[in-house]
Amino acid sequence: MLDVCELAILPIAHLVSQSDPFDRYCGQTGGLAGAYREVVNNGVWGYQLYTYLVLIGVYFGEETRQQVRNYQLTLSSPDTTHREALETMLDVIEVAAGMRTAHVSTASGDIQVPVEMHVALALLLGMPCSPDYARDASMRDARIASMGIDTDWHLADCLSSAREEMVVTYSTTFAHCNTGERGFTRGRPITSH
């Protein structure tokens, strides 16, 4: 049986044992310049924590998800400034991930824009470490227009791979958890009557 502390530590231990996200997810494509290393590393790590928290919510419920999130913020960022930066990044990712799926018409037909595209743009435009950071929201359209070709798509692809890794790594584990005394069994919440 896993408790909240163990659930909080599990992804952090996994993520810090991995190589640099920029090298792992973006190095093979060559689509992002080294200037994007910090935003990719921070953004991928934040998106993986966000994905993990979504899985916690699905398998253990919203209250447990919130407890794990709070504990992770304390663990990974005991310094108030760093904690607030991580919390802001998770909030930015959560808002972007919650946006509706968009469809774009092209010469070859309609394309469904993945949620990672929303997250990639939010990170590229909203994180001060990004070369495309736009402090003022009114400047974001101009920053998008001046952004390198496919920069947002390359980051979205990295985020998609990072999300898939977290889903594969933890969904099976959570599906086999038996935490019945907490009101959960076989990793699925029991509905109360």
C-alpha atoms as a PDB file:
ATOM      1  CA  MET A   1       0.000   0.000   0.000  1.00  0.00           C
ATOM      2  CA  LEU A   2       1.315   3.453  -0.911  1.00  0.00           C
ATOM      3  CA  ASP A   3       0.792   6.492   1.301  1.00  0.00           C
ATOM      4  CA  VAL A   4       0.752  10.150   0.226  1.00  0.00           C
ATOM      5  CA  CYS A   5       4.463  10.655   0.974  1.00  0.00           C
ATOM      6  CA  GLU A   6       5.445   7.645  -1.111  1.00  0.00           C
ATOM      7  CA  LEU A   7       3.140   8.738  -3.930  1.00  0.00           C
ATOM      8  CA  ALA A   8       4.763  12.177  -3.876  1.00  0.00           C
ATOM      9  CA  ILE A   9       8.336  10.889  -3.853  1.00  0.00           C
ATOM     10  CA  LEU A  10       7.851   8.205  -6.500  1.00  0.00           C
ATOM     11  CA  PRO A  11       7.896  10.441  -9.619  1.00  0.00           C
ATOM     12  CA  ILE A  12      10.553  12.785  -8.259  1.00  0.00           C
ATOM     13  CA  ALA A  13      12.912   9.863  -7.671  1.00  0.00           C
ATOM     14  CA  HIS A  14      12.160   8.635 -11.193  1.00  0.00           C
ATOM     15  CA  LEU A  15      12.633  12.029 -12.851  1.00  0.00           C
ATOM     16  CA  VAL A  16      15.906  12.934 -11.132  1.00  0.00           C
ATOM     17  CA  SER A  17      17.361   9.554 -12.100  1.00  0.00           C
ATOM     18  CA  GLN A  18      16.732  10.249 -15.798  1.00  0.00           C
ATOM     19  CA  SER A  19      19.016  12.119 -18.156  1.00  0.00           C
ATOM     20  CA  ASP A  20      18.410  15.716 -19.179  1.00  0.00           C
ATOM     21  CA  PRO A  21      14.920  15.992 -20.795  1.00  0.00           C
ATOM     22  CA  PHE A  22      16.288  18.165 -23.609  1.00  0.00           C
ATOM     23  CA  ASP A  23      18.708  15.396 -24.568  1.00  0.00           C
ATOM     24  CA  ARG A  24      16.184  12.597 -24.031  1.00  0.00           C
ATOM     25  CA  TYR A  25      13.254  14.025 -25.946  1.00  0.00           C
ATOM     26  CA  CYS A  26      14.604  16.746 -28.219  1.00  0.00           C
ATOM     27  CA  GLY A  27      18.131  15.656 -28.990  1.00  0.00           C
ATOM     28  CA  GLN A  28      17.057  13.112 -31.591  1.00  0.00           C
ATOM     29  CA  THR A  29      14.880  15.507 -33.596  1.00  0.00           C
ATOM     30  CA  GLY A  30      17.353  18.377 -33.772  1.00  0.00           C
ATOM     31  CA  GLY A  31      14.363  20.708 -34.012  1.00  0.00           C
ATOM     32  CA  LEU A  32      15.127  22.876 -30.995  1.00  0.00           C
ATOM     33  CA  ALA A  33      18.229  24.981 -30.528  1.00  0.00           C
ATOM     34  CA  GLY A  34      20.269  24.869 -27.332  1.00  0.00           C
ATOM     35  CA  ALA A  35      18.729  28.203 -26.300  1.00  0.00           C
ATOM     36  CA  TYR A  36      15.576  26.226 -25.502  1.00  0.00           C
ATOM     37  CA  ARG A  37      17.332  23.768 -23.169  1.00  0.00           C
ATOM     38  CA  GLU A  38      16.143  25.379 -19.922  1.00  0.00           C
ATOM     39  CA  VAL A  39      12.519  25.838 -20.977  1.00  0.00           C
ATOM     40  CA  VAL A  40      12.426  22.269 -22.326  1.00  0.00           C
ATOM     41  CA  ASN A  41      14.001  20.804 -19.184  1.00  0.00           C
ATOM     42  CA  ASN A  42      11.736  22.732 -16.817  1.00  0.00           C
ATOM     43  CA  GLY A  43       8.662  22.341 -19.004  1.00  0.00           C
ATOM     44  CA  VAL A  44       9.054  18.599 -19.589  1.00  0.00           C
ATOM     45  CA  TRP A  45       9.722  17.963 -15.918  1.00  0.00           C
ATOM     46  CA  GLY A  46       6.689  20.090 -14.956  1.00  0.00           C
ATOM     47  CA  TYR A  47       4.486  18.367 -17.542  1.00  0.00           C
ATOM     48  CA  GLN A  48       5.560  14.958 -16.295  1.00  0.00           C
ATOM     49  CA  LEU A  49       4.675  15.960 -12.722  1.00  0.00           C
ATOM     50  CA  TYR A  50       1.349  17.311 -13.989  1.00  0.00           C
ATOM     51  CA  THR A  51       0.680  14.031 -15.860  1.00  0.00           C
ATOM     52  CA  TYR A  52       1.556  12.043 -12.764  1.00  0.00           C
ATOM     53  CA  LEU A  53      -0.846  14.160 -10.702  1.00  0.00           C
ATOM     54  CA  VAL A  54      -3.610  13.549 -13.240  1.00  0.00           C
ATOM     55  CA  LEU A  55      -3.010   9.812 -12.832  1.00  0.00           C
ATOM     56  CA  ILE A  56      -3.143  10.195  -9.038  1.00  0.00           C
ATOM     57  CA  GLY A  57      -6.499  11.947  -9.408  1.00  0.00           C
ATOM     58  CA  VAL A  58      -7.857   9.191 -11.640  1.00  0.00           C
ATOM     59  CA  TYR A  59      -6.708   6.307  -9.466  1.00  0.00           C
ATOM     60  CA  PHE A  60      -6.826   7.766  -5.952  1.00  0.00           C
ATOM     61  CA  GLY A  61      -9.173  10.753  -6.099  1.00  0.00           C
ATOM     62  CA  GLU A  62      -8.929  14.525  -6.084  1.00  0.00           C
ATOM     63  CA  GLU A  63      -8.159  14.888  -2.378  1.00  0.00           C
ATOM     64  CA  THR A  64      -5.155  12.569  -2.646  1.00  0.00           C
ATOM     65  CA  ARG A  65      -4.017  14.352  -5.822  1.00  0.00           C
ATOM     66  CA  GLN A  66      -4.021  17.684  -4.007  1.00  0.00           C
ATOM     67  CA  GLN A  67      -2.146  16.240  -1.010  1.00  0.00           C
ATOM     68  CA  VAL A  68       0.489  14.696  -3.285  1.00  0.00           C
ATOM     69  CA  ARG A  69       0.849  17.984  -5.216  1.00  0.00           C
ATOM     70  CA  ASN A  70       1.363  19.984  -2.022  1.00  0.00           C
ATOM     71  CA  TYR A  71       3.890  17.485  -0.706  1.00  0.00           C
ATOM     72  CA  GLN A  72       5.767  17.486  -4.033  1.00  0.00           C
ATOM     73  CA  LEU A  73       5.970  21.269  -4.003  1.00  0.00           C
ATOM     74  CA  THR A  74       7.480  21.150  -0.526  1.00  0.00           C
ATOM     75  CA  LEU A  75       9.883  18.326  -1.422  1.00  0.00           C
ATOM     76  CA  SER A  76      11.154  19.641  -4.704  1.00  0.00           C
ATOM     77  CA  SER A  77      11.283  23.280  -3.717  1.00  0.00           C
ATOM     78  CA  PRO A  78      11.826  23.945  -0.016  1.00  0.00           C
ATOM     79  CA  ASP A  79      12.877  27.501  -0.930  1.00  0.00           C
ATOM     80  CA  THR A  80       9.761  29.730  -1.156  1.00  0.00           C
ATOM     81  CA  THR A  81      10.847  31.381  -4.414  1.00  0.00           C
ATOM     82  CA  HIS A  82      11.484  28.051  -6.148  1.00  0.00           C
ATOM     83  CA  ARG A  83       8.289  26.571  -4.745  1.00  0.00           C
ATOM     84  CA  GLU A  84       6.257  29.480  -6.116  1.00  0.00           C
ATOM     85  CA  ALA A  85       7.957  29.139  -9.526  1.00  0.00           C
ATOM     86  CA  LEU A  86       7.142  25.416  -9.670  1.00  0.00           C
ATOM     87  CA  GLU A  87       3.592  26.044  -8.492  1.00  0.00           C
ATOM     88  CA  THR A  88       3.144  28.731 -11.154  1.00  0.00           C
ATOM     89  CA  MET A  89       4.492  26.402 -13.825  1.00  0.00           C
ATOM     90  CA  LEU A  90       2.112  23.609 -12.753  1.00  0.00           C
ATOM     91  CA  ASP A  91      -0.771  26.106 -12.789  1.00  0.00           C
ATOM     92  CA  VAL A  92       0.185  27.331 -16.294  1.00  0.00           C
ATOM     93  CA  ILE A  93       0.372  23.733 -17.524  1.00  0.00           C
ATOM     94  CA  GLU A  94      -2.959  22.844 -15.909  1.00  0.00           C
ATOM     95  CA  VAL A  95      -4.735  25.791 -17.546  1.00  0.00           C
ATOM     96  CA  ALA A  96      -3.177  25.059 -20.948  1.00  0.00           C
ATOM     97  CA  ALA A  97      -3.947  21.336 -20.695  1.00  0.00           C
ATOM     98  CA  GLY A  98      -7.551  22.155 -19.852  1.00  0.00           C
ATOM     99  CA  MET A  99      -8.119  24.067 -23.090  1.00  0.00           C
ATOM    100  CA  ARG A 100     -10.409  22.584 -25.677  1.00  0.00           C
ATOM    101  CA  THR A 101      -8.926  20.624 -28.525  1.00  0.00           C
ATOM    102  CA  ALA A 102      -8.646  22.787 -31.613  1.00  0.00           C
ATOM    103  CA  HIS A 103      -9.046  21.819 -35.241  1.00  0.00           C
ATOM    104  CA  VAL A 104      -7.112  23.676 -37.915  1.00  0.00           C
ATOM    105  CA  SER A 105      -7.985  23.530 -41.601  1.00  0.00           C
ATOM    106  CA  THR A 106      -5.031  23.066 -43.929  1.00  0.00           C
ATOM    107  CA  ALA A 107      -4.617  22.336 -47.619  1.00  0.00           C
ATOM    108  CA  SER A 108      -4.336  18.639 -46.751  1.00  0.00           C
ATOM    109  CA  GLY A 109      -7.404  18.594 -44.524  1.00  0.00           C
ATOM    110  CA  ASP A 110      -8.324  19.262 -40.920  1.00  0.00           C
ATOM    111  CA  ILE A 111      -5.671  18.693 -38.266  1.00  0.00           C
ATOM    112  CA  GLN A 112      -6.486  18.157 -34.616  1.00  0.00           C
ATOM    113  CA  VAL A 113      -4.109  20.222 -32.499  1.00  0.00           C
ATOM    114  CA  PRO A 114      -2.936  18.103 -29.539  1.00  0.00           C
ATOM    115  CA  VAL A 115      -3.228  19.375 -25.975  1.00  0.00           C
ATOM    116  CA  GLU A 116       0.578  19.411 -25.842  1.00  0.00           C
ATOM    117  CA  MET A 117       0.544  22.254 -28.383  1.00  0.00           C
ATOM    118  CA  HIS A 118      -1.397  24.405 -25.914  1.00  0.00           C
ATOM    119  CA  VAL A 119       1.050  23.457 -23.176  1.00  0.00           C
ATOM    120  CA  ALA A 120       4.077  24.092 -25.419  1.00  0.00           C
ATOM    121  CA  LEU A 121       2.871  27.578 -26.326  1.00  0.00           C
ATOM    122  CA  ALA A 122       2.054  28.354 -22.702  1.00  0.00           C
ATOM    123  CA  LEU A 123       5.575  27.317 -21.666  1.00  0.00           C
ATOM    124  CA  LEU A 124       7.340  29.049 -24.543  1.00  0.00           C
ATOM    125  CA  LEU A 125       5.484  32.317 -24.022  1.00  0.00           C
ATOM    126  CA  GLY A 126       4.964  32.193 -20.269  1.00  0.00           C
ATOM    127  CA  MET A 127       8.271  31.038 -18.793  1.00  0.00           C
ATOM    128  CA  PRO A 128      10.976  33.672 -18.297  1.00  0.00           C
ATOM    129  CA  CYS A 129      13.692  31.137 -19.202  1.00  0.00           C
ATOM    130  CA  SER A 130      12.243  30.791 -22.710  1.00  0.00           C
ATOM    131  CA  PRO A 131      13.777  32.720 -25.636  1.00  0.00           C
ATOM    132  CA  ASP A 132      10.174  33.438 -26.687  1.00  0.00           C
ATOM    133  CA  TYR A 133       8.982  34.706 -23.299  1.00  0.00           C
ATOM    134  CA  ALA A 134       6.408  37.499 -23.529  1.00  0.00           C
ATOM    135  CA  ARG A 135       5.921  39.242 -20.206  1.00  0.00           C
ATOM    136  CA  ASP A 136       2.818  41.027 -21.433  1.00  0.00           C
ATOM    137  CA  ALA A 137      -0.021  38.867 -22.800  1.00  0.00           C
ATOM    138  CA  SER A 138      -0.689  41.457 -25.520  1.00  0.00           C
ATOM    139  CA  MET A 139       2.772  40.709 -26.946  1.00  0.00           C
ATOM    140  CA  ARG A 140       2.195  36.965 -27.323  1.00  0.00           C
ATOM    141  CA  ASP A 141       0.795  37.014 -30.856  1.00  0.00           C
ATOM    142  CA  ALA A 142       3.863  38.928 -32.039  1.00  0.00           C
ATOM    143  CA  ARG A 143       6.160  36.445 -30.252  1.00  0.00           C
ATOM    144  CA  ILE A 144       4.391  33.511 -31.897  1.00  0.00           C
ATOM    145  CA  ALA A 145       4.845  35.150 -35.298  1.00  0.00           C
ATOM    146  CA  SER A 146       8.569  35.665 -34.679  1.00  0.00           C
ATOM    147  CA  MET A 147       9.148  32.211 -33.186  1.00  0.00           C
ATOM    148  CA  GLY A 148      11.312  29.782 -35.132  1.00  0.00           C
ATOM    149  CA  ILE A 149       9.499  27.547 -37.585  1.00  0.00           C
ATOM    150  CA  ASP A 150       7.912  24.591 -35.808  1.00  0.00           C
ATOM    151  CA  THR A 151       9.480  25.445 -32.430  1.00  0.00           C
ATOM    152  CA  ASP A 152       6.100  24.997 -30.755  1.00  0.00           C
ATOM    153  CA  TRP A 153       5.467  21.709 -32.588  1.00  0.00           C
ATOM    154  CA  HIS A 154       8.881  20.334 -31.618  1.00  0.00           C
ATOM    155  CA  LEU A 155       8.274  21.144 -27.952  1.00  0.00           C
ATOM    156  CA  ALA A 156       4.752  19.687 -28.179  1.00  0.00           C
ATOM    157  CA  ASP A 157       6.265  16.478 -29.573  1.00  0.00           C
ATOM    158  CA  CYS A 158       8.748  16.338 -26.653  1.00  0.00           C
ATOM    159  CA  LEU A 159       5.890  16.884 -24.191  1.00  0.00           C
ATOM    160  CA  SER A 160       3.818  14.156 -25.819  1.00  0.00           C
ATOM    161  CA  SER A 161       6.673  11.658 -25.473  1.00  0.00           C
ATOM    162  CA  ALA A 162       7.223  12.712 -21.859  1.00  0.00           C
ATOM    163  CA  ARG A 163       3.509  12.295 -21.072  1.00  0.00           C
ATOM    164  CA  GLU A 164       3.434   8.853 -22.652  1.00  0.00           C
ATOM    165  CA  GLU A 165       6.413   7.766 -20.561  1.00  0.00           C
ATOM    166  CA  MET A 166       4.660   8.771 -17.340  1.00  0.00           C
ATOM    167  CA  VAL A 167       1.394   7.096 -18.330  1.00  0.00           C
ATOM    168  CA  VAL A 168       3.149   3.845 -19.243  1.00  0.00           C
ATOM    169  CA  THR A 169       5.365   3.942 -16.151  1.00  0.00           C
ATOM    170  CA  TYR A 170       2.660   4.595 -13.557  1.00  0.00           C
ATOM    171  CA  SER A 171      -0.806   3.622 -14.821  1.00  0.00           C
ATOM    172  CA  THR A 172      -0.052  -0.099 -14.575  1.00  0.00           C
ATOM    173  CA  THR A 173       1.429   0.354 -11.103  1.00  0.00           C
ATOM    174  CA  PHE A 174      -1.607   2.296  -9.882  1.00  0.00           C
ATOM    175  CA  ALA A 175      -4.041  -0.111 -11.502  1.00  0.00           C
ATOM    176  CA  HIS A 176      -2.556  -2.902  -9.384  1.00  0.00           C
ATOM    177  CA  CYS A 177      -2.482  -0.960  -6.118  1.00  0.00           C
ATOM    178  CA  ASN A 178      -4.833  -2.254  -3.488  1.00  0.00           C
ATOM    179  CA  THR A 179      -5.525   0.538  -1.066  1.00  0.00           C
ATOM    180  CA  GLY A 180      -8.910  -0.716   0.055  1.00  0.00           C
ATOM    181  CA  GLU A 181      -8.804   0.759   3.538  1.00  0.00           C
ATOM    182  CA  ARG A 182      -8.751   4.230   1.976  1.00  0.00           C
ATOM    183  CA  GLY A 183     -11.901   3.557   0.008  1.00  0.00           C
ATOM    184  CA  PHE A 184     -10.113   2.447  -3.145  1.00  0.00           C
ATOM    185  CA  THR A 185      -9.631  -0.975  -4.594  1.00  0.00           C
ATOM    186  CA  ARG A 186      -7.741  -2.148  -7.648  1.00  0.00           C
ATOM    187  CA  GLY A 187      -6.668   1.443  -8.228  1.00  0.00           C
ATOM    188  CA  ARG A 188     -10.168   2.671  -9.008  1.00  0.00           C
ATOM    189  CA  PRO A 189     -12.195   4.940  -6.731  1.00  0.00           C
ATOM    190  CA  ILE A 190     -15.204   3.363  -5.073  1.00  0.00           C
ATOM    191  CA  THR A 191     -18.244   5.556  -5.503  1.00  0.00           C
ATOM    192  CA  SER A 192     -20.076   6.400  -2.319  1.00  0.00           C
ATOM    193  CA  HIS A 193     -23.839   6.009  -2.153  1.00  0.00           C
END
